[in-house]
Protein backbone atom coordinates (compact mmCIF):
# COMPACT_ATOMS: atom_id res chain seq x y z
CA MET A 1 -96.69 58.87 62.69
CA ASN A 2 -97.13 59.46 59.06
CA ALA A 3 -95.41 62.88 56.88
CA TRP A 4 -97.70 65.47 54.14
CA LYS A 5 -96.31 67.95 52.45
CA LEU A 6 -98.09 71.02 52.96
CA GLU A 7 -100.24 70.59 49.17
CA SER A 8 -100.98 66.91 50.05
CA ALA A 9 -102.39 68.10 53.24
CA LYS A 10 -104.57 70.41 51.77
CA ALA A 11 -105.37 68.65 47.88
CA ARG A 12 -106.38 65.63 50.38
CA LEU A 13 -107.38 67.00 53.86
CA SER A 14 -110.48 64.82 54.78
CA GLU A 15 -107.63 61.87 54.29
CA VAL A 16 -105.29 63.13 57.13
CA VAL A 17 -108.56 63.60 58.95
CA ARG A 18 -109.40 60.79 58.97
CA GLN A 19 -105.81 59.07 59.95
CA ALA A 20 -104.88 61.37 62.96
CA ARG A 21 -108.46 60.15 64.10
CA ASP A 22 -108.08 56.72 62.86
CA GLU A 23 -104.57 56.11 62.58
CA GLY A 24 -102.88 58.48 64.90
CA PRO A 25 -101.44 61.95 64.18
CA GLN A 26 -100.53 63.52 61.65
CA THR A 27 -97.36 65.09 60.55
CA ILE A 28 -98.24 68.87 57.87
CA THR A 29 -94.49 69.80 56.92
CA VAL A 30 -93.34 72.82 55.04
CA ARG A 31 -90.62 73.15 51.76
CA GLY A 32 -89.37 69.56 54.22
CA ARG A 33 -89.75 70.88 57.92
CA GLU A 34 -91.92 69.63 60.11
CA ALA A 35 -94.96 73.06 60.31
CA ALA A 36 -98.53 71.27 61.95
CA VAL A 37 -99.26 68.18 63.26
CA VAL A 38 -103.02 67.20 62.74
CA VAL A 39 -104.98 65.15 65.77
CA SER A 40 -108.21 63.85 66.48
CA THR A 41 -110.44 65.40 68.77
CA GLU A 42 -109.98 62.79 71.66
CA GLU A 43 -106.28 62.82 71.79
CA TYR A 44 -106.78 66.94 71.82
CA ARG A 45 -108.80 66.46 74.56
CA ARG A 46 -106.52 64.19 76.63
CA LEU A 47 -103.89 66.56 76.20
CA LYS A 48 -105.85 68.55 76.95
CA GLY A 49 -106.87 66.57 80.14
CA GLY A 50 -109.80 66.18 79.26
CA ASP A 51 -111.33 69.03 80.48
CA GLY A 52 -110.32 71.72 77.49
CA LYS A 53 -108.70 73.57 80.09
CA HIS A 54 -105.30 74.56 80.67
CA TRP A 55 -102.69 73.18 83.42
CA VAL A 56 -102.20 76.84 84.18
CA ASP A 57 -106.23 77.16 84.92
CA ARG A 58 -106.26 75.06 86.70
CA LEU A 59 -103.20 75.59 88.83
CA ARG A 60 -104.74 78.52 89.77
CA ALA A 61 -107.96 77.09 90.08
CA ILE A 62 -106.35 75.51 93.36
CA GLY A 63 -105.71 79.40 94.67
CA PRO A 64 -102.62 81.05 97.15
CA ILE A 65 -100.55 78.46 98.15
CA ASP A 66 -98.37 79.68 101.26
CA PHE A 67 -94.81 78.35 100.27
CA GLU A 68 -91.62 79.59 102.52
CA PHE A 69 -88.10 79.42 101.43
CA GLU A 70 -84.79 80.60 102.17
CA ARG A 71 -83.22 81.27 100.61
CA ASP A 72 -78.85 80.29 101.54
CA PRO A 73 -76.41 82.81 102.69
CA ASP A 74 -73.70 81.37 100.26
CA THR A 75 -72.73 83.98 97.85
CA GLY A 76 -69.85 82.44 95.42
CA ARG A 77 -66.19 81.87 96.45
CA ASP A 78 -64.17 84.39 96.57
CA ILE A 79 -61.79 84.27 93.04
CA ASP A 80 -57.67 85.04 92.84
CA LEU A 81 -57.64 87.09 89.79
């Protein structure tokens, strides 16, 4: 993954976008620390699951699922102090 200083990324945004599309994610750093990643639209959609929905929204669309949980009656152990 290529790393760009923020100043360079701003000055060469077209290049950053092209490389994100052609070569993969591009990291942008601020004061030497990773601050952001530029990815292609295709990569973004793949990471989001293809349809642009968040995984939580997909789970909510399934509807309620009836779960029964049993709680262990163990409340711990006695400790002599």
